[in-house]
Protein backbone atom coordinates (compact mmCIF):
# COMPACT_ATOMS: atom_id res chain seq x y z
CA UNK A 1 124.02 136.81 131.97
CA UNK A 2 120.87 137.11 134.04
CA UNK A 3 120.93 138.94 137.40
CA UNK A 4 118.31 138.57 140.10
CA UNK A 5 118.35 140.39 143.45
CA UNK A 6 116.87 137.43 145.22
CA UNK A 7 119.85 135.16 144.37
CA UNK A 8 123.54 135.65 145.11
CA UNK A 9 125.87 136.04 142.07
CA UNK A 10 127.63 132.76 142.78
CA UNK A 11 124.29 130.90 142.84
CA UNK A 12 123.26 132.51 139.51
CA UNK A 13 126.50 131.42 138.02
CA UNK A 14 125.95 127.82 139.15
CA UNK A 15 122.41 127.77 137.96
CA UNK A 16 123.40 129.11 134.52
CA UNK A 17 125.89 126.25 134.24
CA UNK A 18 123.27 123.66 135.27
CA UNK A 19 120.64 125.11 133.02
CA UNK A 20 123.05 125.04 130.08
CA UNK A 21 123.74 121.39 130.77
CA UNK A 22 120.11 120.56 131.03
CA UNK A 23 119.37 122.39 127.70
CA UNK A 24 122.20 120.57 125.77
CA UNK A 25 121.54 117.19 127.42
CA UNK A 26 118.04 116.99 128.77
CA UNK A 27 116.95 114.08 131.09
CA UNK A 28 114.56 111.62 129.63
CA UNK A 29 111.11 113.06 129.29
CA UNK A 30 112.06 116.48 130.64
CA UNK A 31 112.63 119.76 128.89
CA UNK A 32 113.71 122.87 130.80
CA UNK A 33 112.15 126.15 129.81
CA UNK A 34 114.99 128.65 130.30
CA UNK A 35 114.34 132.23 131.37
CA UNK A 36 117.57 134.16 131.35
CA UNK A 37 115.91 137.10 133.10
CA UNK A 38 114.83 135.16 136.14
CA UNK A 39 116.65 132.18 137.67
CA UNK A 40 114.49 132.16 140.80
CA UNK A 41 111.69 130.45 138.74
CA UNK A 42 112.86 127.23 137.00
CA UNK A 43 110.20 125.87 134.66
CA UNK A 44 110.20 122.50 132.90
CA UNK A 45 107.82 120.45 130.72
CA UNK A 46 107.53 116.77 131.92
CA UNK A 47 106.21 114.03 129.60
CA UNK A 48 103.86 111.64 131.27
CA UNK A 49 105.74 108.25 131.67
CA UNK A 50 104.69 105.36 129.43
CA UNK A 51 102.48 102.76 131.27
CA UNK A 52 101.11 105.27 133.80
CA UNK A 53 97.77 107.12 133.79
CA UNK A 54 99.76 110.26 132.85
CA UNK A 55 100.99 108.79 129.53
CA UNK A 56 100.72 111.13 126.57
CA UNK A 57 100.34 114.09 128.80
CA UNK A 58 102.66 117.09 128.92
CA UNK A 59 102.92 118.75 132.38
CA UNK A 60 104.43 122.09 133.07
CA UNK A 61 106.03 122.47 136.58
CA UNK A 62 108.19 124.97 138.29
CA UNK A 63 110.78 125.18 140.98
CA UNK A 64 110.67 128.32 143.14
CA UNK A 65 114.17 129.19 144.53
CA UNK A 66 114.48 131.33 147.70
CA UNK A 67 117.47 133.52 148.44
CA UNK A 68 118.80 130.79 150.84
CA UNK A 69 119.03 128.33 147.83
CA UNK A 70 120.76 125.91 147.84
CA UNK A 71 120.87 125.74 151.57
CA UNK A 72 117.12 125.49 151.65
CA UNK A 73 115.25 123.40 149.12
CA UNK A 74 113.13 124.91 146.33
CA UNK A 75 109.48 124.62 146.36
CA UNK A 76 107.95 122.54 143.57
CA UNK A 77 104.62 123.21 141.87
CA UNK A 78 102.69 121.68 138.99
CA UNK A 79 101.29 124.45 136.85
CA UNK A 80 99.34 121.89 134.85
CA UNK A 81 96.32 120.54 136.74
CA UNK A 82 96.93 116.89 137.73
CA UNK A 83 95.22 114.25 139.73
CA UNK A 84 98.00 112.81 141.92
CA UNK A 85 98.18 111.92 145.64
CA UNK A 86 101.37 113.99 146.13
CA UNK A 87 100.11 117.19 144.43
CA UNK A 88 97.86 119.67 146.24
CA UNK A 89 95.00 121.55 144.68
CA UNK A 90 97.21 124.53 144.32
CA UNK A 91 99.84 122.41 142.53
CA UNK A 92 102.34 122.12 145.42
CA UNK A 93 104.40 118.99 145.18
CA UNK A 94 105.14 116.86 148.24
CA UNK A 95 108.27 114.74 147.91
CA UNK A 96 110.96 114.05 150.50
CA UNK A 97 113.74 115.31 148.17
CA UNK A 98 112.27 118.79 148.50
CA UNK A 99 111.78 118.47 152.25
CA UNK A 100 113.57 116.27 154.85
CA UNK A 101 115.94 114.60 152.37
CA UNK A 102 117.15 117.86 150.78
CA UNK A 103 120.81 118.26 150.31
CA UNK A 104 122.52 121.48 149.03
CA UNK A 105 124.69 119.30 146.72
CA UNK A 106 121.59 118.06 144.83
CA UNK A 107 121.37 119.61 141.52
CA UNK A 108 118.38 120.70 139.32
CA UNK A 109 118.76 117.55 137.18
CA UNK A 110 118.29 115.28 140.21
CA UNK A 111 115.31 117.24 141.52
CA UNK A 112 113.54 117.23 138.11
CA UNK A 113 114.12 113.48 137.68
CA UNK A 114 112.65 112.81 141.12
CA UNK A 115 109.52 114.72 140.29
CA UNK A 116 109.01 112.78 137.05
CA UNK A 117 109.58 109.53 139.03
CA UNK A 118 106.80 110.69 141.29
CA UNK A 119 104.40 110.14 138.30
CA UNK A 120 105.57 106.61 138.10
CA UNK A 121 105.50 105.73 141.76
CA UNK A 122 103.20 108.03 143.93
CA UNK A 123 103.42 107.88 147.69
CA UNK A 124 99.89 107.85 149.08
CA UNK A 125 101.11 107.72 152.64
CA UNK A 126 102.14 111.40 152.44
CA UNK A 127 99.30 112.54 150.22
CA UNK A 128 98.42 116.24 149.79
CA UNK A 129 95.36 115.18 147.72
CA UNK A 130 93.56 112.84 150.23
CA UNK A 131 91.00 111.70 147.65
CA UNK A 132 93.68 110.55 145.19
CA UNK A 133 95.70 108.93 147.99
CA UNK A 134 92.70 106.99 149.34
CA UNK A 135 91.59 106.02 145.83
CA UNK A 136 95.11 104.75 144.98
CA UNK A 137 95.17 102.51 148.07
CA UNK A 138 91.60 101.17 147.79
CA UNK A 139 90.75 101.08 144.14
CA UNK A 140 93.68 101.59 141.68
CA UNK A 141 91.52 101.33 138.59
CA UNK A 142 89.31 104.08 139.76
CA UNK A 143 92.31 106.22 140.59
CA UNK A 144 93.90 105.55 137.21
CA UNK A 145 90.61 106.51 135.47
CA UNK A 146 90.51 109.81 137.30
CA UNK A 147 94.14 110.54 136.52
CA UNK A 148 93.71 109.72 132.82
CA UNK A 149 90.66 111.89 132.72
CA UNK A 150 92.63 114.86 134.22
CA UNK A 151 95.52 114.12 131.77
CA UNK A 152 93.30 114.12 128.71
CA UNK A 153 91.61 117.37 129.72
CA UNK A 154 94.43 119.43 131.15
CA UNK A 155 97.72 117.97 129.91
CA UNK A 156 97.05 117.40 126.24
CA UNK A 157 100.09 118.47 124.18
CA UNK A 158 99.67 121.10 121.57
CA UNK A 159 99.60 119.79 118.03
CA UNK A 160 102.67 120.17 115.91
CA UNK A 161 102.16 121.23 112.36
CA UNK A 162 104.57 120.49 109.61
CA UNK A 163 105.09 123.33 107.22
CA UNK A 164 105.39 120.95 104.33
CA UNK A 165 101.95 119.49 104.99
CA UNK A 166 100.30 122.88 104.20
CA UNK A 167 102.09 123.43 100.87
CA UNK A 168 101.44 119.78 99.87
CA UNK A 169 97.70 120.14 100.57
CA UNK A 170 97.62 123.41 98.60
CA UNK A 171 99.47 121.84 95.71
CA UNK A 172 97.01 118.93 95.67
CA UNK A 173 94.07 121.34 95.73
CA UNK A 174 95.43 123.31 92.86
CA UNK A 175 96.06 120.08 90.83
CA UNK A 176 92.39 119.00 91.46
CA UNK A 177 91.05 122.45 90.36
CA UNK A 178 93.20 122.31 87.23
CA UNK A 179 91.91 118.81 86.37
CA UNK A 180 88.33 120.02 86.88
CA UNK A 181 88.86 123.00 84.62
CA UNK A 182 90.53 121.07 81.76
CA UNK A 183 89.33 117.43 81.61
CA UNK A 184 90.90 115.17 79.06
CA UNK A 185 88.89 113.61 76.22
CA UNK A 186 88.75 110.14 77.89
CA UNK A 187 87.03 111.50 81.00
CA UNK A 188 84.40 113.26 78.86
CA UNK A 189 83.00 109.96 77.47
CA UNK A 190 79.48 109.47 79.18
CA UNK A 191 78.46 106.23 80.75
CA UNK A 192 74.71 106.49 80.70
CA UNK A 193 71.85 107.94 78.70
CA UNK A 194 71.50 110.75 81.31
CA UNK A 195 75.26 111.54 80.79
CA UNK A 196 74.72 111.51 76.96
CA UNK A 197 72.00 114.19 77.33
CA UNK A 198 74.06 116.22 79.74
CA UNK A 199 77.16 116.11 77.39
CA UNK A 200 74.99 116.94 74.32
CA UNK A 201 73.50 119.91 76.04
CA UNK A 202 76.89 121.14 77.41
CA UNK A 203 78.36 120.74 73.93
CA UNK A 204 75.59 122.84 72.41
CA UNK A 205 76.15 125.52 75.04
CA UNK A 206 79.86 125.46 74.49
CA UNK A 207 79.18 125.95 70.77
CA UNK A 208 76.91 128.89 71.39
CA UNK A 209 79.66 130.45 73.55
CA UNK A 210 82.35 129.92 70.91
CA UNK A 211 80.05 131.41 68.17
CA UNK A 212 80.13 134.78 69.79
CA UNK A 213 80.87 137.34 66.92
CA UNK A 214 84.43 138.18 66.53
CA UNK A 215 83.35 141.76 66.10
CA UNK A 216 82.74 141.90 69.83
CA UNK A 217 86.44 141.31 70.41
CA UNK A 218 87.33 143.80 67.62
CA UNK A 219 85.47 146.51 69.45
CA UNK A 220 88.00 146.07 72.26
CA UNK A 221 90.43 147.93 70.04
CA UNK A 222 93.05 145.33 69.24
CA UNK A 223 93.52 143.23 66.11
CA UNK A 224 95.69 140.75 67.99
CA UNK A 225 92.84 140.05 70.37
CA UNK A 226 90.62 139.30 67.38
CA UNK A 227 93.12 136.77 65.93
CA UNK A 228 93.61 135.10 69.28
CA UNK A 229 89.76 134.91 69.84
CA UNK A 230 89.32 133.34 66.36
CA UNK A 231 91.95 130.75 67.09
CA UNK A 232 90.41 129.87 70.39
CA UNK A 233 87.01 129.69 68.73
CA UNK A 234 88.24 127.33 66.00
CA UNK A 235 90.01 125.21 68.57
CA UNK A 236 86.84 125.11 70.66
CA UNK A 237 84.75 124.03 67.68
CA UNK A 238 87.15 121.32 66.87
CA UNK A 239 87.00 120.03 70.39
CA UNK A 240 83.19 120.10 70.48
CA UNK A 241 83.09 118.27 67.16
CA UNK A 242 85.42 115.59 68.44
CA UNK A 243 83.46 115.28 71.64
CA UNK A 244 80.16 115.00 69.61
CA UNK A 245 81.53 112.22 67.53
CA UNK A 246 82.40 110.29 70.64
CA UNK A 247 78.98 110.80 71.97
CA UNK A 248 77.42 109.58 68.72
CA UNK A 249 79.64 106.52 68.76
CA UNK A 250 78.60 105.89 72.33
CA UNK A 251 74.95 106.19 71.38
CA UNK A 252 75.34 103.70 68.60
CA UNK A 253 77.06 101.24 70.93
CA UNK A 254 74.20 101.67 73.54
CA UNK A 255 71.56 100.99 70.87
CA UNK A 256 73.28 97.82 69.89
CA UNK A 257 73.20 96.76 73.50
């Protein structure tokens, strides 16, 4: 269990119980980041509520607990930059629950839920960001545009990669390469005069390659290699002849056209 000189043992025990509950049953849109080594700094990731300018954003915030906690309220801070009337430029959060309405019986779950609700319903009357507060009261569309801009720049969630996607892409790439290396006979049939010339030239080149003297393989020092090379050469010649017949047939059909 974590120990912290800034917090009494009984408070640490209570916090450990609350953090376990938050981890096993998190509030909607809130995930606590547990640090067993320091309970005086409680961090959480808050999802931007749907229908607000903060939608699709992920905001990291923290609660700083003093030694007098829970008799004195924690201080709340947004670590992710956000355009909000009740959040100062240094990230400090202004909400009555953490000030005059604080009660020692309030738990971490309640405090975190209140902070997320603040993204749904700001209070411009007690603004720490005067520009955001004034804009919210006078021109909501302009306020929302600024808030969305900040969200898109600073609160964009990190992409999640699926392990299977990488292996699937690799497999597809290998299949494509295999297909390119060993095309079937049907795909070798040309569709134009230019293709006929290309195939004829390629076939001639292939025939030249397969006509390499078997003696070159024999000089490698293995009779089995010679036999294998001969078989490959014969198979290659058969394939070239078959392809040439198809090319000739294609030429005849083109002449008739």
